[in-house]
Amino acid sequence: MAFVNVKPTDADVRIARAVARHTNHLTETVSRGLTWGADEKILLALAAAGWVVTRTRRESVRRAGDHALLVAATASVLPHLMKSVFDQTRPDRKTVLGHLNGVSFSGKRKDAFPSGHALHMGALASAAGPLPAGLRRAIRALAVGLCVTRIVVLAHWASDVVAGFALGAVLERMLRPLTGYPAKEPR
């Protein structure tokens, strides 16, 4: 049982209604496919595989692997803990129009806040900070795009996504001292 009931903002409701009016089965299907790119199980598996690969590399790369695995694991647990405290009904349960236009149901009814997918993407966008500018921008654009899919499939209110993204960025920065990421190479 949750302790705090979170209500969507007026802007959240307007955005969800616009999405419900303008979506169709194809948009829903493509967005559902893309949203898997931010799924915790896939990201944990990739982080674990990356961690294994980094074990034989130089120290800075090993630290990056440690960081990626710790961030992915922590970002997987945090939304579940928060959803046990916060109750918020998903927008797909609040709109009939979306279902008429091809939107299916997402996850547990009361688990809208925060978006776990967005939390992972916020952490990824934050971790990209030390990377070269072009790669950093590409990763951040991908992260934001994957977050938008959560709004398009009406799995989350826009504010759930924004809050999840911000929490992910803060989480990633908080874990840096534990992993030493980004490691500075000796000159």
Protein backbone atom coordinates (compact mmCIF):
# COMPACT_ATOMS: atom_id res chain seq x y z
CA MET A 1 0.00 0.00 0.00
CA ALA A 2 1.35 3.39 -1.01
CA PHE A 3 1.57 6.35 1.32
CA VAL A 4 1.35 9.22 -1.18
CA ASN A 5 -1.19 9.66 -3.95
CA VAL A 6 0.27 11.66 -6.85
CA LYS A 7 -2.09 13.56 -9.14
CA PRO A 8 -1.25 14.46 -12.73
CA THR A 9 -0.83 18.16 -13.50
CA ASP A 10 -3.15 20.00 -15.88
CA ALA A 11 -0.33 19.98 -18.44
CA ASP A 12 0.00 16.19 -18.00
CA VAL A 13 -3.69 15.73 -18.75
CA ARG A 14 -3.56 18.01 -21.81
CA ILE A 15 -0.52 16.18 -23.19
CA ALA A 16 -2.09 12.74 -22.61
CA ARG A 17 -5.31 13.83 -24.31
CA ALA A 18 -3.36 15.16 -27.31
CA VAL A 19 -1.42 11.89 -27.53
CA ALA A 20 -4.64 9.88 -27.29
CA ARG A 21 -6.23 11.96 -30.08
CA HIS A 22 -3.27 11.77 -32.45
CA THR A 23 -1.91 8.27 -31.94
CA ASN A 24 -2.80 5.25 -34.02
CA HIS A 25 -1.98 1.56 -33.97
CA LEU A 26 1.21 1.99 -36.02
CA THR A 27 2.51 4.79 -33.76
CA GLU A 28 1.69 2.68 -30.70
CA THR A 29 3.41 -0.41 -32.13
CA VAL A 30 6.58 1.47 -33.11
CA SER A 31 6.73 3.27 -29.76
CA ARG A 32 6.20 0.02 -27.84
CA GLY A 33 9.08 -1.53 -29.77
CA LEU A 34 11.39 1.43 -29.20
CA THR A 35 10.58 1.68 -25.50
CA TRP A 36 12.31 -1.69 -24.99
CA GLY A 37 15.57 0.21 -25.48
CA ALA A 38 15.09 1.66 -22.00
CA ASP A 39 13.82 -1.50 -20.29
CA GLU A 40 15.59 -2.32 -17.02
CA LYS A 41 16.10 -6.00 -17.82
CA ILE A 42 17.77 -5.25 -21.14
CA LEU A 43 19.88 -2.46 -19.66
CA LEU A 44 20.97 -4.66 -16.74
CA ALA A 45 21.96 -7.44 -19.14
CA LEU A 46 23.93 -5.00 -21.29
CA ALA A 47 25.63 -3.47 -18.25
CA ALA A 48 26.55 -6.93 -16.93
CA ALA A 49 27.94 -7.97 -20.32
CA GLY A 50 29.85 -4.71 -20.56
CA TRP A 51 31.22 -5.22 -17.07
CA VAL A 52 32.56 -8.66 -18.03
CA VAL A 53 34.20 -7.25 -21.16
CA THR A 54 35.86 -4.42 -19.22
CA ARG A 55 37.61 -6.74 -16.76
CA THR A 56 40.62 -7.19 -19.04
CA ARG A 57 40.90 -3.52 -20.01
CA ARG A 58 42.81 -0.60 -18.49
CA GLU A 59 41.72 0.81 -15.14
CA SER A 60 39.66 3.71 -16.50
CA VAL A 61 37.62 1.31 -18.65
CA ARG A 62 37.15 -1.08 -15.72
CA ARG A 63 35.88 1.85 -13.61
CA ALA A 64 33.43 2.76 -16.36
CA GLY A 65 32.20 -0.87 -16.39
CA ASP A 66 31.85 -0.85 -12.60
CA HIS A 67 29.96 2.42 -12.82
CA ALA A 68 27.62 1.24 -15.57
CA LEU A 69 26.73 -1.92 -13.66
CA LEU A 70 26.18 -0.14 -10.33
CA VAL A 71 24.08 2.59 -11.96
CA ALA A 72 21.98 0.08 -13.92
CA ALA A 73 21.36 -2.04 -10.81
CA THR A 74 20.52 0.93 -8.61
CA ALA A 75 18.35 2.52 -11.31
CA SER A 76 16.45 -0.77 -11.54
CA VAL A 77 15.71 -0.95 -7.81
CA LEU A 78 14.93 2.72 -7.09
CA PRO A 79 11.70 3.06 -9.15
CA HIS A 80 10.27 -0.10 -7.58
CA LEU A 81 10.95 1.26 -4.11
CA MET A 82 9.42 4.60 -5.03
CA LYS A 83 6.35 2.98 -6.57
CA SER A 84 5.72 1.26 -3.25
CA VAL A 85 5.50 4.74 -1.68
CA PHE A 86 3.75 6.66 -4.47
CA ASP A 87 0.46 5.78 -6.14
CA GLN A 88 -0.43 7.36 -9.44
CA THR A 89 -2.82 5.98 -12.02
CA ARG A 90 -1.29 5.58 -15.46
CA PRO A 91 -2.74 7.79 -18.21
CA ASP A 92 -3.73 4.76 -20.30
CA ARG A 93 -6.28 3.96 -17.56
CA LYS A 94 -7.70 7.49 -17.72
CA THR A 95 -8.45 7.79 -21.44
CA VAL A 96 -10.87 5.75 -23.51
CA LEU A 97 -9.92 7.63 -26.67
CA GLY A 98 -6.36 6.33 -26.58
CA HIS A 99 -7.59 2.75 -26.56
CA LEU A 100 -9.88 3.46 -29.49
CA ASN A 101 -6.83 4.77 -31.39
CA GLY A 102 -4.68 1.70 -30.69
CA VAL A 103 -3.06 2.31 -27.30
CA SER A 104 -2.89 -0.77 -25.08
CA PHE A 105 -2.47 -0.95 -21.31
CA SER A 106 0.97 -0.60 -19.68
CA GLY A 107 2.20 -2.14 -16.45
CA LYS A 108 0.42 -2.00 -13.14
CA ARG A 109 -2.45 0.46 -12.97
CA LYS A 110 -1.15 2.58 -10.06
CA ASP A 111 2.59 2.50 -10.92
CA ALA A 112 2.94 5.63 -13.03
CA PHE A 113 5.31 7.59 -10.78
CA PRO A 114 8.18 7.73 -11.49
CA SER A 115 9.02 6.36 -14.91
CA GLY A 116 11.67 3.69 -14.44
CA HIS A 117 12.54 3.80 -18.14
CA ALA A 118 13.15 7.55 -17.89
CA LEU A 119 15.19 7.09 -14.72
CA HIS A 120 17.53 4.77 -16.62
CA MET A 121 17.73 7.21 -19.51
CA GLY A 122 18.50 10.14 -17.22
CA ALA A 123 21.34 8.14 -15.71
CA LEU A 124 22.62 7.25 -19.19
CA ALA A 125 22.44 10.87 -20.36
CA SER A 126 24.32 12.01 -17.26
CA ALA A 127 26.98 9.30 -17.60
CA ALA A 128 27.59 10.43 -21.19
CA GLY A 129 28.91 13.76 -19.89
CA PRO A 130 32.64 12.92 -20.08
CA LEU A 131 32.36 11.48 -23.62
CA PRO A 132 33.37 13.36 -26.79
CA ALA A 133 30.78 15.97 -27.82
CA GLY A 134 29.33 14.13 -30.83
CA LEU A 135 28.88 10.84 -28.99
CA ARG A 136 27.55 12.62 -25.90
CA ARG A 137 24.92 14.48 -27.96
CA ALA A 138 23.88 11.28 -29.77
CA ILE A 139 23.47 9.36 -26.51
CA ARG A 140 21.50 12.17 -24.91
CA ALA A 141 19.23 12.51 -27.95
CA LEU A 142 18.61 8.75 -27.89
CA ALA A 143 17.86 8.89 -24.15
CA VAL A 144 15.34 11.70 -24.58
CA GLY A 145 13.75 9.96 -27.56
CA LEU A 146 13.30 6.73 -25.62
CA CYS A 147 11.72 8.73 -22.79
CA VAL A 148 9.20 10.25 -25.18
CA THR A 149 8.01 6.75 -26.10
CA ARG A 150 6.73 6.34 -22.53
CA ILE A 151 4.46 9.35 -23.06
CA VAL A 152 3.37 8.20 -26.54
CA VAL A 153 2.27 4.78 -25.27
CA LEU A 154 0.44 6.53 -22.38
CA ALA A 155 2.40 4.49 -19.84
CA HIS A 156 3.35 7.68 -18.00
CA TRP A 157 2.34 11.27 -17.56
CA ALA A 158 4.90 13.73 -18.91
CA SER A 159 5.79 14.79 -15.36
CA ASP A 160 6.55 11.14 -14.45
CA VAL A 161 9.02 11.03 -17.30
CA VAL A 162 10.64 14.36 -16.42
CA ALA A 163 10.91 13.35 -12.74
CA GLY A 164 12.34 9.94 -13.64
CA PHE A 165 14.90 11.48 -15.99
CA ALA A 166 16.01 14.02 -13.37
CA LEU A 167 16.22 11.34 -10.66
CA GLY A 168 18.33 9.18 -12.95
CA ALA A 169 20.77 12.02 -13.62
CA VAL A 170 21.07 12.76 -9.90
CA LEU A 171 21.50 9.07 -9.08
CA GLU A 172 24.29 8.67 -11.63
CA ARG A 173 26.15 11.69 -10.25
CA MET A 174 25.74 10.45 -6.67
CA LEU A 175 27.29 7.09 -7.56
CA ARG A 176 30.38 8.57 -9.23
CA PRO A 177 32.41 8.87 -5.99
CA LEU A 178 31.82 5.16 -5.28
CA THR A 179 33.13 4.01 -8.65
CA GLY A 180 35.67 6.69 -9.48
CA TYR A 181 33.95 7.42 -12.79
CA PRO A 182 35.11 9.14 -14.88
CA ALA A 183 38.66 8.04 -14.20
CA LYS A 184 41.41 10.35 -15.30
CA GLU A 185 44.19 8.65 -17.25
CA PRO A 186 47.72 9.31 -15.97
CA ARG A 187 49.61 11.72 -18.21
